[in-house]
Amino acid sequence: MNAILRLAVPAATILLAAGCSHIEPRVAMPEITTAVPKPVVREPAKNGAIFQASAPFRGLAEDRRPMYAGDILTIAINERTSASRSSKSAANKTGEFKAEIPLLKGFKGIGYAGAEASANTGNKFEGSGETANDNTFSGTITVTVIERLPNGNLVVAGDKQIGINHNTETIRFSGIVDPLSVQAGNVVNSTLVADARLEYRGKGYIDEAQRMGWLTRFFLTAMPF
């Protein structure tokens, strides 16, 4: 009895922990979501010229597109994904076995008219599945230039939090932007962002209402089928 209890208690603990665990998929976002322009260390001018090539500047005829770390731009989120899949399979297999023993003659004491045996087998399987997915996400988020790559492209990232009635909504975005795709007002469409990472999370009583209870997760984990 004691041996059974020693085995049952750890097993129950493991199953309970598995039921309480909740795996929540996350989006791989960069650790840094904002950047501040680095201070420029300017050496005293030695050539007597006003213009110094080492100092960052914007020309008089240059537009105000984001170019350096710390510059901001607005991402117009316009994402839509749609996918569907349908599959159907069937298998059927039948078999038959039959054996006969003819009448045995010439043996004393054997007077039966023979024997026979037969068997039939059958196996049938049918399966079908269908899935459909349609997601739409629209909105805006202003991000910061984190890094300027050697080819001129900009690594951007940013997040936004909104609190409404005991609920917190968090939007995170990151990706690589081509400065030529930036439109007027420093706006770029999310469909033109490379390596885009978009995450929308909610935290509060609405999020808790959508989660499975720990006891339900326990039975889903413990059931073998």
C-alpha atoms as a PDB file:
ATOM      1  CA  MET A   1       0.000   0.000   0.000  1.00  0.00           C
ATOM      2  CA  ASN A   2       2.814   2.378   0.881  1.00  0.00           C
ATOM      3  CA  ALA A   3       4.550   1.587  -2.411  1.00  0.00           C
ATOM      4  CA  ILE A   4       1.387   2.455  -4.323  1.00  0.00           C
ATOM      5  CA  LEU A   5       1.087   5.751  -2.478  1.00  0.00           C
ATOM      6  CA  ARG A   6       4.727   6.587  -3.158  1.00  0.00           C
ATOM      7  CA  LEU A   7       4.114   6.097  -6.872  1.00  0.00           C
ATOM      8  CA  ALA A   8       0.683   7.705  -6.972  1.00  0.00           C
ATOM      9  CA  VAL A   9       1.643  10.985  -5.311  1.00  0.00           C
ATOM     10  CA  PRO A  10       4.441  11.924  -7.793  1.00  0.00           C
ATOM     11  CA  ALA A  11       2.295  10.817 -10.724  1.00  0.00           C
ATOM     12  CA  ALA A  12      -0.612  12.964  -9.556  1.00  0.00           C
ATOM     13  CA  THR A  13       1.739  15.905  -9.031  1.00  0.00           C
ATOM     14  CA  ILE A  14       3.121  15.596 -12.561  1.00  0.00           C
ATOM     15  CA  LEU A  15      -0.348  15.360 -14.102  1.00  0.00           C
ATOM     16  CA  LEU A  16      -1.568  18.321 -12.066  1.00  0.00           C
ATOM     17  CA  ALA A  17       1.401  20.397 -13.164  1.00  0.00           C
ATOM     18  CA  ALA A  18       0.757  19.436 -16.769  1.00  0.00           C
ATOM     19  CA  GLY A  19      -2.849  20.470 -16.414  1.00  0.00           C
ATOM     20  CA  CYS A  20      -1.940  23.802 -14.868  1.00  0.00           C
ATOM     21  CA  SER A  21       0.679  24.616 -17.481  1.00  0.00           C
ATOM     22  CA  HIS A  22      -0.491  26.891 -20.253  1.00  0.00           C
ATOM     23  CA  ILE A  23       1.569  27.154 -23.423  1.00  0.00           C
ATOM     24  CA  GLU A  24       1.027  30.552 -24.988  1.00  0.00           C
ATOM     25  CA  PRO A  25       2.510  31.081 -28.444  1.00  0.00           C
ATOM     26  CA  ARG A  26       4.643  34.152 -28.721  1.00  0.00           C
ATOM     27  CA  VAL A  27       6.024  36.162 -31.614  1.00  0.00           C
ATOM     28  CA  ALA A  28       9.809  36.479 -31.855  1.00  0.00           C
ATOM     29  CA  MET A  29      10.236  40.199 -31.230  1.00  0.00           C
ATOM     30  CA  PRO A  30      13.524  42.105 -30.843  1.00  0.00           C
ATOM     31  CA  GLU A  31      14.584  42.903 -27.311  1.00  0.00           C
ATOM     32  CA  ILE A  32      15.019  46.601 -28.133  1.00  0.00           C
ATOM     33  CA  THR A  33      11.859  48.352 -29.293  1.00  0.00           C
ATOM     34  CA  THR A  34      13.065  51.935 -29.176  1.00  0.00           C
ATOM     35  CA  ALA A  35      16.260  53.876 -29.764  1.00  0.00           C
ATOM     36  CA  VAL A  36      17.589  57.281 -28.860  1.00  0.00           C
ATOM     37  CA  PRO A  37      19.939  59.132 -31.231  1.00  0.00           C
ATOM     38  CA  LYS A  38      23.515  58.716 -30.129  1.00  0.00           C
ATOM     39  CA  PRO A  39      25.264  61.922 -29.151  1.00  0.00           C
ATOM     40  CA  VAL A  40      27.730  63.064 -31.778  1.00  0.00           C
ATOM     41  CA  VAL A  41      31.207  63.782 -30.510  1.00  0.00           C
ATOM     42  CA  ARG A  42      32.491  66.641 -32.612  1.00  0.00           C
ATOM     43  CA  GLU A  43      36.141  67.413 -32.684  1.00  0.00           C
ATOM     44  CA  PRO A  44      37.191  71.031 -32.890  1.00  0.00           C
ATOM     45  CA  ALA A  45      37.413  72.214 -36.469  1.00  0.00           C
ATOM     46  CA  LYS A  46      40.997  72.494 -37.599  1.00  0.00           C
ATOM     47  CA  ASN A  47      40.566  73.486 -41.214  1.00  0.00           C
ATOM     48  CA  GLY A  48      38.606  76.637 -40.578  1.00  0.00           C
ATOM     49  CA  ALA A  49      35.603  75.357 -42.563  1.00  0.00           C
ATOM     50  CA  ILE A  50      32.051  75.630 -41.281  1.00  0.00           C
ATOM     51  CA  PHE A  51      30.926  72.336 -42.812  1.00  0.00           C
ATOM     52  CA  GLN A  52      32.257  69.183 -41.172  1.00  0.00           C
ATOM     53  CA  ALA A  53      31.815  65.938 -43.085  1.00  0.00           C
ATOM     54  CA  SER A  54      31.821  63.836 -39.915  1.00  0.00           C
ATOM     55  CA  ALA A  55      28.771  65.604 -38.459  1.00  0.00           C
ATOM     56  CA  PRO A  56      25.306  64.333 -39.460  1.00  0.00           C
ATOM     57  CA  PHE A  57      23.165  66.903 -41.180  1.00  0.00           C
ATOM     58  CA  ARG A  58      20.097  67.296 -43.367  1.00  0.00           C
ATOM     59  CA  GLY A  59      20.377  69.345 -46.483  1.00  0.00           C
ATOM     60  CA  LEU A  60      18.075  72.252 -47.193  1.00  0.00           C
ATOM     61  CA  ALA A  61      16.461  70.373 -50.080  1.00  0.00           C
ATOM     62  CA  GLU A  62      16.368  67.033 -48.280  1.00  0.00           C
ATOM     63  CA  ASP A  63      12.997  65.636 -47.212  1.00  0.00           C
ATOM     64  CA  ARG A  64      12.273  64.611 -43.662  1.00  0.00           C
ATOM     65  CA  ARG A  65      12.187  60.879 -44.265  1.00  0.00           C
ATOM     66  CA  PRO A  66      13.523  58.829 -41.359  1.00  0.00           C
ATOM     67  CA  MET A  67      17.159  57.967 -41.908  1.00  0.00           C
ATOM     68  CA  TYR A  68      18.914  57.741 -38.556  1.00  0.00           C
ATOM     69  CA  ALA A  69      18.493  55.857 -35.288  1.00  0.00           C
ATOM     70  CA  GLY A  70      15.836  57.531 -33.203  1.00  0.00           C
ATOM     71  CA  ASP A  71      13.792  58.817 -36.156  1.00  0.00           C
ATOM     72  CA  ILE A  72      10.153  57.783 -36.123  1.00  0.00           C
ATOM     73  CA  LEU A  73       7.703  56.652 -38.764  1.00  0.00           C
ATOM     74  CA  THR A  74       4.148  55.364 -38.787  1.00  0.00           C
ATOM     75  CA  ILE A  75       3.233  51.844 -39.862  1.00  0.00           C
ATOM     76  CA  ALA A  76      -0.195  51.508 -41.470  1.00  0.00           C
ATOM     77  CA  ILE A  77      -1.132  47.955 -40.520  1.00  0.00           C
ATOM     78  CA  ASN A  78      -3.171  46.346 -43.259  1.00  0.00           C
ATOM     79  CA  GLU A  79      -2.741  42.606 -42.927  1.00  0.00           C
ATOM     80  CA  ARG A  80      -5.061  39.901 -44.183  1.00  0.00           C
ATOM     81  CA  THR A  81      -4.385  36.198 -44.483  1.00  0.00           C
ATOM     82  CA  SER A  82      -6.751  33.615 -45.890  1.00  0.00           C
ATOM     83  CA  ALA A  83      -6.117  29.907 -46.293  1.00  0.00           C
ATOM     84  CA  SER A  84      -8.224  26.785 -46.716  1.00  0.00           C
ATOM     85  CA  ARG A  85      -7.496  23.100 -47.039  1.00  0.00           C
ATOM     86  CA  SER A  86      -9.606  20.017 -47.612  1.00  0.00           C
ATOM     87  CA  SER A  87      -8.579  16.381 -47.673  1.00  0.00           C
ATOM     88  CA  LYS A  88     -10.374  13.048 -47.973  1.00  0.00           C
ATOM     89  CA  SER A  89      -9.059   9.512 -47.825  1.00  0.00           C
ATOM     90  CA  ALA A  90     -10.571   6.041 -47.988  1.00  0.00           C
ATOM     91  CA  ALA A  91      -9.215   2.505 -47.753  1.00  0.00           C
ATOM     92  CA  ASN A  92     -10.962  -0.832 -48.157  1.00  0.00           C
ATOM     93  CA  LYS A  93      -9.512  -4.319 -47.817  1.00  0.00           C
ATOM     94  CA  THR A  94     -11.267  -7.699 -47.880  1.00  0.00           C
ATOM     95  CA  GLY A  95      -9.985 -11.257 -47.623  1.00  0.00           C
ATOM     96  CA  GLU A  96     -11.440 -14.738 -47.811  1.00  0.00           C
ATOM     97  CA  PHE A  97     -10.025 -18.105 -46.744  1.00  0.00           C
ATOM     98  CA  LYS A  98     -11.526 -21.527 -47.368  1.00  0.00           C
ATOM     99  CA  ALA A  99     -10.108 -25.022 -46.847  1.00  0.00           C
ATOM    100  CA  GLU A 100     -11.714 -28.438 -47.424  1.00  0.00           C
ATOM    101  CA  ILE A 101     -10.651 -31.923 -46.383  1.00  0.00           C
ATOM    102  CA  PRO A 102     -12.056 -34.533 -48.781  1.00  0.00           C
ATOM    103  CA  LEU A 103     -13.656 -37.809 -47.762  1.00  0.00           C
ATOM    104  CA  LEU A 104     -11.080 -40.129 -46.272  1.00  0.00           C
ATOM    105  CA  LYS A 105     -11.450 -43.694 -47.534  1.00  0.00           C
ATOM    106  CA  GLY A 106      -9.516 -46.815 -46.749  1.00  0.00           C
ATOM    107  CA  PHE A 107      -8.999 -45.972 -43.116  1.00  0.00           C
ATOM    108  CA  LYS A 108     -10.787 -48.192 -40.651  1.00  0.00           C
ATOM    109  CA  GLY A 109     -12.851 -46.379 -38.093  1.00  0.00           C
ATOM    110  CA  ILE A 110     -13.110 -43.109 -40.026  1.00  0.00           C
ATOM    111  CA  GLY A 111     -16.560 -42.640 -41.398  1.00  0.00           C
ATOM    112  CA  TYR A 112     -17.135 -38.907 -41.663  1.00  0.00           C
ATOM    113  CA  ALA A 113     -17.724 -37.273 -45.009  1.00  0.00           C
ATOM    114  CA  GLY A 114     -14.872 -34.793 -44.777  1.00  0.00           C
ATOM    115  CA  ALA A 115     -14.398 -31.369 -43.135  1.00  0.00           C
ATOM    116  CA  GLU A 116     -14.129 -27.792 -44.288  1.00  0.00           C
ATOM    117  CA  ALA A 117     -13.206 -24.445 -42.786  1.00  0.00           C
ATOM    118  CA  SER A 118     -13.680 -20.914 -44.055  1.00  0.00           C
ATOM    119  CA  ALA A 119     -13.019 -17.381 -42.835  1.00  0.00           C
ATOM    120  CA  ASN A 120     -13.765 -13.908 -44.128  1.00  0.00           C
ATOM    121  CA  THR A 121     -11.999 -10.698 -43.137  1.00  0.00           C
ATOM    122  CA  GLY A 122     -12.757  -7.100 -43.944  1.00  0.00           C
ATOM    123  CA  ASN A 123     -11.247  -3.745 -43.111  1.00  0.00           C
ATOM    124  CA  LYS A 124     -12.578  -0.345 -44.107  1.00  0.00           C
ATOM    125  CA  PHE A 125     -11.409   3.172 -43.314  1.00  0.00           C
ATOM    126  CA  GLU A 126     -12.774   6.540 -44.333  1.00  0.00           C
ATOM    127  CA  GLY A 127     -11.532   9.933 -43.230  1.00  0.00           C
ATOM    128  CA  SER A 128     -12.009  13.530 -44.229  1.00  0.00           C
ATOM    129  CA  GLY A 129     -10.863  16.881 -42.949  1.00  0.00           C
ATOM    130  CA  GLU A 130     -11.354  20.528 -43.783  1.00  0.00           C
ATOM    131  CA  THR A 131      -9.870  23.691 -42.364  1.00  0.00           C
ATOM    132  CA  ALA A 132     -10.285  27.377 -43.160  1.00  0.00           C
ATOM    133  CA  ASN A 133      -8.562  30.447 -41.761  1.00  0.00           C
ATOM    134  CA  ASP A 134      -9.314  34.101 -42.431  1.00  0.00           C
ATOM    135  CA  ASN A 135      -7.618  36.838 -40.381  1.00  0.00           C
ATOM    136  CA  THR A 136      -7.778  40.615 -40.772  1.00  0.00           C
ATOM    137  CA  PHE A 137      -5.725  43.181 -38.843  1.00  0.00           C
ATOM    138  CA  SER A 138      -5.835  46.910 -39.464  1.00  0.00           C
ATOM    139  CA  GLY A 139      -4.585  49.888 -37.500  1.00  0.00           C
ATOM    140  CA  THR A 140      -1.580  52.171 -37.065  1.00  0.00           C
ATOM    141  CA  ILE A 141       1.470  52.178 -34.827  1.00  0.00           C
ATOM    142  CA  THR A 142       4.394  54.596 -34.705  1.00  0.00           C
ATOM    143  CA  VAL A 143       7.793  52.935 -34.444  1.00  0.00           C
ATOM    144  CA  THR A 144      11.395  54.034 -33.991  1.00  0.00           C
ATOM    145  CA  VAL A 145      14.377  53.437 -36.229  1.00  0.00           C
ATOM    146  CA  ILE A 146      16.647  51.072 -34.307  1.00  0.00           C
ATOM    147  CA  GLU A 147      19.442  50.679 -36.817  1.00  0.00           C
ATOM    148  CA  ARG A 148      20.414  51.766 -40.283  1.00  0.00           C
ATOM    149  CA  LEU A 149      21.827  48.908 -42.350  1.00  0.00           C
ATOM    150  CA  PRO A 150      24.792  49.366 -44.716  1.00  0.00           C
ATOM    151  CA  ASN A 151      22.473  49.225 -47.756  1.00  0.00           C
ATOM    152  CA  GLY A 152      20.344  52.068 -46.370  1.00  0.00           C
ATOM    153  CA  ASN A 153      17.400  50.005 -45.141  1.00  0.00           C
ATOM    154  CA  LEU A 154      16.032  50.777 -41.693  1.00  0.00           C
ATOM    155  CA  VAL A 155      15.412  48.336 -38.849  1.00  0.00           C
ATOM    156  CA  VAL A 156      12.334  49.593 -37.000  1.00  0.00           C
ATOM    157  CA  ALA A 157      10.517  48.445 -33.877  1.00  0.00           C
ATOM    158  CA  GLY A 158       7.974  49.799 -31.454  1.00  0.00           C
ATOM    159  CA  ASP A 159       5.082  48.960 -29.177  1.00  0.00           C
ATOM    160  CA  LYS A 160       1.892  50.593 -27.992  1.00  0.00           C
ATOM    161  CA  GLN A 161      -0.192  49.904 -24.893  1.00  0.00           C
ATOM    162  CA  ILE A 162      -3.808  50.862 -24.386  1.00  0.00           C
ATOM    163  CA  GLY A 163      -5.667  50.425 -21.091  1.00  0.00           C
ATOM    164  CA  ILE A 164      -9.465  50.259 -21.172  1.00  0.00           C
ATOM    165  CA  ASN A 165     -11.607  49.276 -18.175  1.00  0.00           C
ATOM    166  CA  HIS A 166      -9.214  46.905 -16.388  1.00  0.00           C
ATOM    167  CA  ASN A 167      -7.932  45.531 -19.699  1.00  0.00           C
ATOM    168  CA  THR A 168      -4.560  46.237 -21.280  1.00  0.00           C
ATOM    169  CA  GLU A 169      -4.037  45.842 -25.016  1.00  0.00           C
ATOM    170  CA  THR A 170      -0.457  45.692 -26.302  1.00  0.00           C
ATOM    171  CA  ILE A 171       0.622  45.979 -29.938  1.00  0.00           C
ATOM    172  CA  ARG A 172       4.221  45.261 -30.958  1.00  0.00           C
ATOM    173  CA  PHE A 173       5.734  45.642 -34.396  1.00  0.00           C
ATOM    174  CA  SER A 174       9.190  45.236 -35.907  1.00  0.00           C
ATOM    175  CA  GLY A 175      10.676  44.833 -39.374  1.00  0.00           C
ATOM    176  CA  ILE A 176      12.949  46.252 -42.066  1.00  0.00           C
ATOM    177  CA  VAL A 177      11.796  49.263 -44.093  1.00  0.00           C
ATOM    178  CA  ASP A 178      13.098  50.547 -47.407  1.00  0.00           C
ATOM    179  CA  PRO A 179      13.234  54.374 -47.154  1.00  0.00           C
ATOM    180  CA  LEU A 180      11.952  54.607 -50.737  1.00  0.00           C
ATOM    181  CA  SER A 181       8.665  52.979 -49.665  1.00  0.00           C
ATOM    182  CA  VAL A 182       7.964  55.682 -47.068  1.00  0.00           C
ATOM    183  CA  GLN A 183       5.051  57.847 -48.195  1.00  0.00           C
ATOM    184  CA  ALA A 184       4.119  61.407 -47.336  1.00  0.00           C
ATOM    185  CA  GLY A 185       3.790  61.973 -43.627  1.00  0.00           C
ATOM    186  CA  ASN A 186       6.399  59.280 -42.922  1.00  0.00           C
ATOM    187  CA  VAL A 187       3.842  56.502 -43.357  1.00  0.00           C
ATOM    188  CA  VAL A 188       4.636  53.062 -44.747  1.00  0.00           C
ATOM    189  CA  ASN A 189       2.253  50.188 -45.410  1.00  0.00           C
ATOM    190  CA  SER A 190       2.904  47.058 -43.378  1.00  0.00           C
ATOM    191  CA  THR A 191       2.739  44.943 -46.542  1.00  0.00           C
ATOM    192  CA  LEU A 192       5.945  46.667 -47.705  1.00  0.00           C
ATOM    193  CA  VAL A 193       7.885  45.829 -44.532  1.00  0.00           C
ATOM    194  CA  ALA A 194      10.340  42.935 -44.742  1.00  0.00           C
ATOM    195  CA  ASP A 195      10.722  40.416 -41.900  1.00  0.00           C
ATOM    196  CA  ALA A 196       7.647  41.922 -40.260  1.00  0.00           C
ATOM    197  CA  ARG A 197       6.748  40.784 -36.745  1.00  0.00           C
ATOM    198  CA  LEU A 198       3.322  41.785 -35.486  1.00  0.00           C
ATOM    199  CA  GLU A 199       1.915  40.853 -32.100  1.00  0.00           C
ATOM    200  CA  TYR A 200      -1.382  41.829 -30.490  1.00  0.00           C
ATOM    201  CA  ARG A 201      -1.978  40.757 -26.907  1.00  0.00           C
ATOM    202  CA  GLY A 202      -4.621  41.473 -24.339  1.00  0.00           C
ATOM    203  CA  LYS A 203      -4.461  41.137 -20.573  1.00  0.00           C
ATOM    204  CA  GLY A 204      -7.423  41.403 -18.247  1.00  0.00           C
ATOM    205  CA  TYR A 205     -10.703  39.709 -17.407  1.00  0.00           C
ATOM    206  CA  ILE A 206     -11.595  39.312 -21.094  1.00  0.00           C
ATOM    207  CA  ASP A 207      -8.339  37.460 -21.714  1.00  0.00           C
ATOM    208  CA  GLU A 208      -8.919  35.302 -18.630  1.00  0.00           C
ATOM    209  CA  ALA A 209     -12.437  34.424 -19.804  1.00  0.00           C
ATOM    210  CA  GLN A 210     -11.014  33.018 -23.042  1.00  0.00           C
ATOM    211  CA  ARG A 211      -8.596  30.687 -21.290  1.00  0.00           C
ATOM    212  CA  MET A 212      -9.256  27.067 -20.379  1.00  0.00           C
ATOM    213  CA  GLY A 213      -9.604  26.253 -16.703  1.00  0.00           C
ATOM    214  CA  TRP A 214      -6.794  24.327 -15.034  1.00  0.00           C
ATOM    215  CA  LEU A 215      -9.014  21.297 -14.388  1.00  0.00           C
ATOM    216  CA  THR A 216     -10.048  21.143 -18.050  1.00  0.00           C
ATOM    217  CA  ARG A 217      -6.401  21.320 -19.113  1.00  0.00           C
ATOM    218  CA  PHE A 218      -5.617  18.569 -16.609  1.00  0.00           C
ATOM    219  CA  PHE A 219      -8.142  16.161 -18.128  1.00  0.00           C
ATOM    220  CA  LEU A 220      -7.076  17.022 -21.677  1.00  0.00           C
ATOM    221  CA  THR A 221      -3.485  16.216 -20.720  1.00  0.00           C
ATOM    222  CA  ALA A 222      -4.260  13.052 -18.758  1.00  0.00           C
ATOM    223  CA  MET A 223      -6.666  11.440 -21.227  1.00  0.00           C
ATOM    224  CA  PRO A 224      -4.787   9.057 -23.571  1.00  0.00           C
ATOM    225  CA  PHE A 225      -7.152   9.533 -26.519  1.00  0.00           C
END
